[in-house]
């Protein structure tokens, strides 16, 4: 079994790229141009995030080798392009539910019941998905592997997660993280099994100090490195108070996004134990820069927050090197 890797030495100045990883969208000239543009914004890390779909929240099969999930060739190509741009890569396979249910609600009885779908069955399928990603990450020398994202109901399956992590370590020799959901950092019982703690930091703009105080206690107790595997805010009115709600109705507002970024970066950079941000998110099919003012999504490209992010990332990286 591989020994846990040392703490993150350099800050994760990161951006998630390519979500949701729809087949056919990663191996294009447009995708290559998008990633290259992202790399011009002070980014030193990228999470290559792609989703496999199970049919419902109670399904136990995850057909990760079928549409709409990107192919293995697309994943390998994206990793190689990122490395070619000088970016470190966290490979991030994620499970989604085809009917639109949030993956946090995937769940079964706490104990296995004959004739009913079970956690054991689901983790068998999920493990095949994650181990496939682990093999790619090892072959392509990815700098990190994320083994799950916002699986709130699954988080309590301590024994299953520990077994999966042990399997992953037999395949992948790099550092392993798990991306818990917001407000769940102090509820995971198996942080000792991963190398790096990470979470989704979609916290209302005025609550960052209190949330960081809470998370700091978890990080100190663990002795691990911590960074936000997801964080960010749509560029629309009202999103600073509900940054996790991508469907919130509101007019496009680059200033709202910038205001959120200023607070988020200021608070996170004031806490040395926060080892970085992997911001959400930069699409493989990037909108024209002329449309930035009317774009109300998370991507900061062409918006005031994009220039601010690049400045902050360059300062953060330079200050620690």
Protein backbone atom coordinates (compact mmCIF):
# COMPACT_ATOMS: atom_id res chain seq x y z
CA UNK A 1 0.00 0.00 0.00
CA UNK A 2 1.29 3.46 -0.86
CA UNK A 3 2.15 5.82 1.96
CA UNK A 4 0.20 9.10 2.17
CA UNK A 5 1.88 11.95 0.29
CA UNK A 6 3.23 15.04 2.09
CA UNK A 7 1.18 18.18 2.52
CA UNK A 8 0.60 20.50 -0.43
CA UNK A 9 3.71 22.65 -0.68
CA UNK A 10 2.39 25.14 -3.24
CA UNK A 11 -1.04 26.77 -3.33
CA UNK A 12 -3.66 25.25 -5.60
CA UNK A 13 -4.42 28.12 -7.96
CA UNK A 14 -6.99 26.11 -9.80
CA UNK A 15 -10.00 26.00 -12.07
CA UNK A 16 -12.33 23.14 -12.94
CA UNK A 17 -12.44 22.50 -16.67
CA UNK A 18 -14.75 20.60 -19.00
CA UNK A 19 -17.79 19.86 -16.82
CA UNK A 20 -19.91 17.77 -17.35
CA UNK A 21 -17.66 15.88 -19.68
CA UNK A 22 -20.17 15.18 -22.43
CA UNK A 23 -18.87 12.77 -25.04
CA UNK A 24 -17.50 14.52 -28.09
CA UNK A 25 -16.88 17.89 -26.44
CA UNK A 26 -13.33 17.42 -25.14
CA UNK A 27 -11.43 16.40 -28.28
CA UNK A 28 -12.15 19.51 -30.36
CA UNK A 29 -10.26 22.60 -31.44
CA UNK A 30 -12.73 24.68 -29.44
CA UNK A 31 -11.95 22.69 -26.28
CA UNK A 32 -8.21 23.06 -26.83
CA UNK A 33 -8.62 26.82 -27.26
CA UNK A 34 -10.74 27.01 -24.11
CA UNK A 35 -8.15 25.25 -21.96
CA UNK A 36 -5.35 27.39 -23.38
CA UNK A 37 -7.32 30.56 -22.55
CA UNK A 38 -7.91 29.27 -19.00
CA UNK A 39 -4.18 28.75 -18.55
CA UNK A 40 -3.65 32.47 -19.26
CA UNK A 41 -5.49 33.44 -16.07
CA UNK A 42 -2.88 32.60 -13.44
CA UNK A 43 -4.12 29.02 -13.15
CA UNK A 44 -1.55 26.43 -12.07
CA UNK A 45 -3.93 23.51 -11.43
CA UNK A 46 -7.01 22.20 -13.17
CA UNK A 47 -9.61 19.65 -12.12
CA UNK A 48 -10.69 17.70 -15.18
CA UNK A 49 -14.22 16.90 -14.10
CA UNK A 50 -16.48 14.48 -15.95
CA UNK A 51 -19.69 12.69 -15.02
CA UNK A 52 -21.02 9.19 -15.45
CA UNK A 53 -24.77 8.79 -15.10
CA UNK A 54 -26.83 6.34 -13.11
CA UNK A 55 -30.51 6.24 -13.98
CA UNK A 56 -32.07 7.18 -10.62
CA UNK A 57 -30.87 7.91 -7.09
CA UNK A 58 -31.64 4.27 -6.25
CA UNK A 59 -29.83 2.67 -9.20
CA UNK A 60 -26.79 0.52 -8.50
CA UNK A 61 -25.23 0.50 -11.98
CA UNK A 62 -22.96 3.31 -13.23
CA UNK A 63 -22.26 2.74 -16.95
CA UNK A 64 -19.24 5.02 -17.12
CA UNK A 65 -18.07 3.60 -20.46
CA UNK A 66 -21.24 4.65 -22.25
CA UNK A 67 -22.67 7.92 -23.52
CA UNK A 68 -22.97 10.68 -22.48
CA UNK A 69 -19.66 10.29 -20.58
CA UNK A 70 -16.45 11.36 -22.33
CA UNK A 71 -14.34 8.52 -23.66
CA UNK A 72 -11.04 7.38 -22.19
CA UNK A 73 -9.27 8.85 -25.22
CA UNK A 74 -10.86 12.23 -24.52
CA UNK A 75 -9.79 12.09 -20.87
CA UNK A 76 -6.22 11.16 -21.75
CA UNK A 77 -6.10 13.87 -24.40
CA UNK A 78 -7.29 16.52 -21.94
CA UNK A 79 -4.73 15.44 -19.33
CA UNK A 80 -1.93 15.63 -21.87
CA UNK A 81 -3.01 19.04 -23.08
CA UNK A 82 -3.18 20.36 -19.51
CA UNK A 83 0.27 19.00 -18.76
CA UNK A 84 1.52 20.50 -22.01
CA UNK A 85 0.28 23.90 -20.79
CA UNK A 86 2.23 23.46 -17.57
CA UNK A 87 -0.83 22.76 -15.43
CA UNK A 88 -1.04 20.21 -12.63
CA UNK A 89 -4.04 17.92 -12.97
CA UNK A 90 -6.55 16.60 -10.47
CA UNK A 91 -8.64 13.98 -12.25
CA UNK A 92 -12.20 14.21 -10.96
CA UNK A 93 -14.68 11.49 -11.96
CA UNK A 94 -18.16 12.30 -10.65
CA UNK A 95 -21.44 10.38 -10.66
CA UNK A 96 -24.64 12.17 -11.70
CA UNK A 97 -28.26 11.04 -11.80
CA UNK A 98 -29.88 11.03 -15.24
CA UNK A 99 -33.26 12.22 -13.95
CA UNK A 100 -31.73 15.39 -12.50
CA UNK A 101 -31.64 14.34 -8.84
CA UNK A 102 -28.60 15.80 -7.10
CA UNK A 103 -25.97 13.12 -6.40
CA UNK A 104 -26.07 14.01 -2.69
CA UNK A 105 -29.39 12.14 -2.53
CA UNK A 106 -28.08 8.84 -3.92
CA UNK A 107 -28.82 6.44 -1.09
CA UNK A 108 -30.00 3.08 0.17
CA UNK A 109 -30.90 1.38 3.45
CA UNK A 110 -28.12 1.72 6.02
CA UNK A 111 -27.87 -2.07 6.04
CA UNK A 112 -28.15 -4.50 3.12
CA UNK A 113 -31.61 -6.02 2.69
CA UNK A 114 -32.11 -9.05 0.39
CA UNK A 115 -34.03 -8.11 -2.75
CA UNK A 116 -33.46 -4.37 -2.31
CA UNK A 117 -30.77 -2.19 -3.90
CA UNK A 118 -27.91 -1.78 -1.45
CA UNK A 119 -24.85 0.26 -0.66
CA UNK A 120 -22.73 -2.83 -1.27
CA UNK A 121 -24.05 -3.16 -4.81
CA UNK A 122 -23.67 0.54 -5.50
CA UNK A 123 -20.11 0.74 -4.18
CA UNK A 124 -19.13 -2.26 -6.32
CA UNK A 125 -20.20 -0.34 -9.43
CA UNK A 126 -18.87 2.99 -8.18
CA UNK A 127 -15.52 1.38 -7.39
CA UNK A 128 -15.18 0.15 -10.96
CA UNK A 129 -15.75 3.72 -12.13
CA UNK A 130 -13.22 5.24 -9.73
CA UNK A 131 -10.60 2.52 -10.29
CA UNK A 132 -10.84 3.10 -14.04
CA UNK A 133 -10.07 6.78 -13.40
CA UNK A 134 -7.28 5.83 -10.98
CA UNK A 135 -5.60 3.72 -13.67
CA UNK A 136 -5.74 6.64 -16.11
CA UNK A 137 -4.42 9.02 -13.45
CA UNK A 138 -1.49 6.71 -12.73
CA UNK A 139 -0.64 6.11 -16.39
CA UNK A 140 -0.76 9.85 -17.16
CA UNK A 141 0.99 10.97 -13.94
CA UNK A 142 -1.90 13.11 -12.70
CA UNK A 143 -0.87 15.08 -9.65
CA UNK A 144 -4.05 14.24 -7.70
CA UNK A 145 -7.16 12.08 -7.85
CA UNK A 146 -10.55 13.07 -6.43
CA UNK A 147 -12.56 9.95 -5.53
CA UNK A 148 -15.95 11.55 -5.02
CA UNK A 149 -17.94 14.77 -5.00
CA UNK A 150 -20.73 15.93 -2.68
CA UNK A 151 -22.01 12.43 -1.89
CA UNK A 152 -23.77 13.53 1.30
CA UNK A 153 -25.88 10.42 1.91
CA UNK A 154 -22.97 8.17 0.96
CA UNK A 155 -20.59 10.02 3.28
CA UNK A 156 -21.72 7.93 6.25
CA UNK A 157 -20.59 4.67 4.64
CA UNK A 158 -17.23 4.73 6.41
CA UNK A 159 -16.28 1.10 5.79
CA UNK A 160 -17.12 1.24 2.07
CA UNK A 161 -15.04 4.41 1.55
CA UNK A 162 -12.05 2.97 3.38
CA UNK A 163 -12.22 -0.18 1.26
CA UNK A 164 -12.42 1.88 -1.94
CA UNK A 165 -9.47 4.04 -0.92
CA UNK A 166 -7.38 0.95 -0.20
CA UNK A 167 -8.21 -0.36 -3.67
CA UNK A 168 -7.33 2.96 -5.26
CA UNK A 169 -3.94 2.98 -3.53
CA UNK A 170 -3.13 -0.32 -5.21
CA UNK A 171 -3.61 1.39 -8.59
CA UNK A 172 -2.71 5.06 -8.14
CA UNK A 173 0.43 6.28 -6.38
CA UNK A 174 -0.43 9.98 -6.12
CA UNK A 175 -2.35 11.91 -3.47
CA UNK A 176 -6.04 11.19 -3.00
CA UNK A 177 -8.72 13.65 -1.99
CA UNK A 178 -12.47 13.62 -1.49
CA UNK A 179 -14.66 16.65 -2.26
CA UNK A 180 -17.27 16.80 0.49
CA UNK A 181 -20.21 19.16 0.19
CA UNK A 182 -20.48 22.51 1.93
CA UNK A 183 -21.14 22.28 5.68
CA UNK A 184 -20.00 18.63 5.73
CA UNK A 185 -16.30 19.12 6.51
CA UNK A 186 -16.80 18.26 10.19
CA UNK A 187 -19.06 15.27 9.51
CA UNK A 188 -16.72 12.97 7.57
CA UNK A 189 -15.33 10.19 9.80
CA UNK A 190 -12.73 8.87 7.36
CA UNK A 191 -10.57 11.92 6.58
CA UNK A 192 -7.60 9.99 7.98
CA UNK A 193 -7.81 7.65 4.98
CA UNK A 194 -7.21 10.34 2.32
CA UNK A 195 -4.15 12.52 1.78
CA UNK A 196 -5.81 15.89 1.25
CA UNK A 197 -9.14 17.22 2.56
CA UNK A 198 -11.26 19.25 0.17
CA UNK A 199 -14.77 20.62 0.05
CA UNK A 200 -17.22 22.72 -1.92
CA UNK A 201 -16.97 26.22 -0.50
CA UNK A 202 -20.20 27.75 -1.73
CA UNK A 203 -20.72 29.87 1.36
CA UNK A 204 -22.84 33.02 1.50
CA UNK A 205 -20.60 36.06 1.14
CA UNK A 206 -21.05 37.26 4.72
CA UNK A 207 -20.42 33.87 6.35
CA UNK A 208 -16.87 33.14 5.17
CA UNK A 209 -15.15 34.02 8.49
CA UNK A 210 -17.45 31.77 10.55
CA UNK A 211 -17.21 28.87 8.10
CA UNK A 212 -13.43 29.08 7.93
CA UNK A 213 -13.27 29.09 11.73
CA UNK A 214 -15.30 25.87 11.75
CA UNK A 215 -13.28 24.19 9.01
CA UNK A 216 -9.98 25.18 10.61
CA UNK A 217 -10.74 22.99 13.62
CA UNK A 218 -11.21 20.00 11.30
CA UNK A 219 -7.98 20.68 9.43
CA UNK A 220 -5.95 21.14 12.61
CA UNK A 221 -7.27 17.88 14.06
CA UNK A 222 -6.52 15.98 10.87
CA UNK A 223 -2.97 17.15 10.24
CA UNK A 224 -3.82 17.17 6.52
CA UNK A 225 -3.64 19.78 3.80
CA UNK A 226 -6.92 21.44 2.84
CA UNK A 227 -8.18 23.32 -0.19
CA UNK A 228 -11.56 24.12 -1.69
CA UNK A 229 -12.10 21.66 -4.54
CA UNK A 230 -15.03 23.80 -5.64
CA UNK A 231 -15.81 27.45 -4.98
CA UNK A 232 -17.16 30.37 -6.91
CA UNK A 233 -20.23 32.42 -7.66
CA UNK A 234 -22.41 32.98 -10.72
CA UNK A 235 -22.27 36.46 -12.23
CA UNK A 236 -25.87 37.35 -11.48
CA UNK A 237 -27.77 39.50 -9.02
CA UNK A 238 -28.41 37.67 -5.75
CA UNK A 239 -25.81 34.95 -6.21
CA UNK A 240 -23.41 36.29 -3.58
CA UNK A 241 -25.88 35.10 -0.93
CA UNK A 242 -26.65 31.79 -2.68
CA UNK A 243 -23.49 30.92 -4.61
CA UNK A 244 -24.37 27.22 -4.80
CA UNK A 245 -27.67 27.88 -6.63
CA UNK A 246 -26.85 27.82 -10.34
CA UNK A 247 -30.56 28.11 -11.17
CA UNK A 248 -31.19 31.27 -9.16
CA UNK A 249 -33.13 33.83 -11.19
CA UNK A 250 -31.29 37.12 -11.50
CA UNK A 251 -29.95 39.58 -14.04
CA UNK A 252 -26.35 39.14 -15.21
CA UNK A 253 -23.94 41.03 -12.95
CA UNK A 254 -20.20 40.92 -13.27
CA UNK A 255 -19.96 43.23 -10.27
CA UNK A 256 -21.80 40.75 -8.06
CA UNK A 257 -19.35 38.00 -9.00
CA UNK A 258 -16.38 40.32 -8.48
CA UNK A 259 -17.64 41.34 -5.03
CA UNK A 260 -17.89 37.68 -4.06
CA UNK A 261 -14.41 36.88 -5.41
CA UNK A 262 -12.91 39.77 -3.44
CA UNK A 263 -14.33 38.45 -0.17
CA UNK A 264 -13.59 34.79 -0.95
CA UNK A 265 -9.96 35.41 -1.93
CA UNK A 266 -9.41 37.84 0.92
CA UNK A 267 -10.71 35.44 3.54
CA UNK A 268 -9.01 32.33 2.14
CA UNK A 269 -5.64 34.00 1.61
CA UNK A 270 -5.71 35.29 5.19
CA UNK A 271 -5.75 31.68 6.45
CA UNK A 272 -2.41 29.97 5.66
CA UNK A 273 -3.94 26.52 6.17
CA UNK A 274 -6.21 27.08 3.15
CA UNK A 275 -3.93 25.74 0.44
CA UNK A 276 -5.89 27.05 -2.48
CA UNK A 277 -9.03 27.13 -4.57
CA UNK A 278 -10.23 25.04 -7.50
CA UNK A 279 -12.78 27.49 -8.85
CA UNK A 280 -15.98 26.48 -10.60
CA UNK A 281 -15.90 26.37 -13.59
CA UNK A 282 -14.48 26.78 -17.09
CA UNK A 283 -16.42 25.05 -19.92
CA UNK A 284 -14.87 23.12 -22.79
CA UNK A 285 -17.13 25.12 -25.12
CA UNK A 286 -16.24 28.67 -24.10
CA UNK A 287 -18.61 31.51 -24.92
CA UNK A 288 -17.31 34.40 -27.07
CA UNK A 289 -15.69 37.09 -24.95
CA UNK A 290 -18.17 39.58 -26.39
CA UNK A 291 -20.97 37.66 -24.66
CA UNK A 292 -19.35 37.82 -21.21
CA UNK A 293 -21.42 40.77 -20.01
CA UNK A 294 -24.66 38.87 -20.67
CA UNK A 295 -23.38 35.53 -19.36
CA UNK A 296 -24.69 34.87 -15.84
CA UNK A 297 -22.91 31.57 -15.17
CA UNK A 298 -19.90 30.69 -12.97
CA UNK A 299 -17.16 31.05 -15.57
CA UNK A 300 -15.30 34.35 -15.01
CA UNK A 301 -13.92 34.57 -18.55
CA UNK A 302 -14.13 38.13 -19.90
CA UNK A 303 -15.70 39.39 -16.66
CA UNK A 304 -14.24 41.61 -13.92
CA UNK A 305 -13.80 38.54 -11.69
CA UNK A 306 -11.64 36.88 -14.34
CA UNK A 307 -9.02 39.61 -14.28
CA UNK A 308 -9.17 39.74 -10.48
CA UNK A 309 -8.76 35.96 -10.22
CA UNK A 310 -5.70 36.03 -12.48
CA UNK A 311 -4.14 38.78 -10.39
CA UNK A 312 -4.83 36.98 -7.12
CA UNK A 313 -3.56 33.65 -8.36
CA UNK A 314 -0.32 35.14 -9.67
CA UNK A 315 0.25 36.96 -6.39
CA UNK A 316 -0.59 33.86 -4.32
CA UNK A 317 1.70 31.63 -6.34
CA UNK A 318 4.56 34.14 -6.39
CA UNK A 319 4.31 34.84 -2.67
CA UNK A 320 4.96 31.19 -1.86
CA UNK A 321 7.68 30.49 -4.42
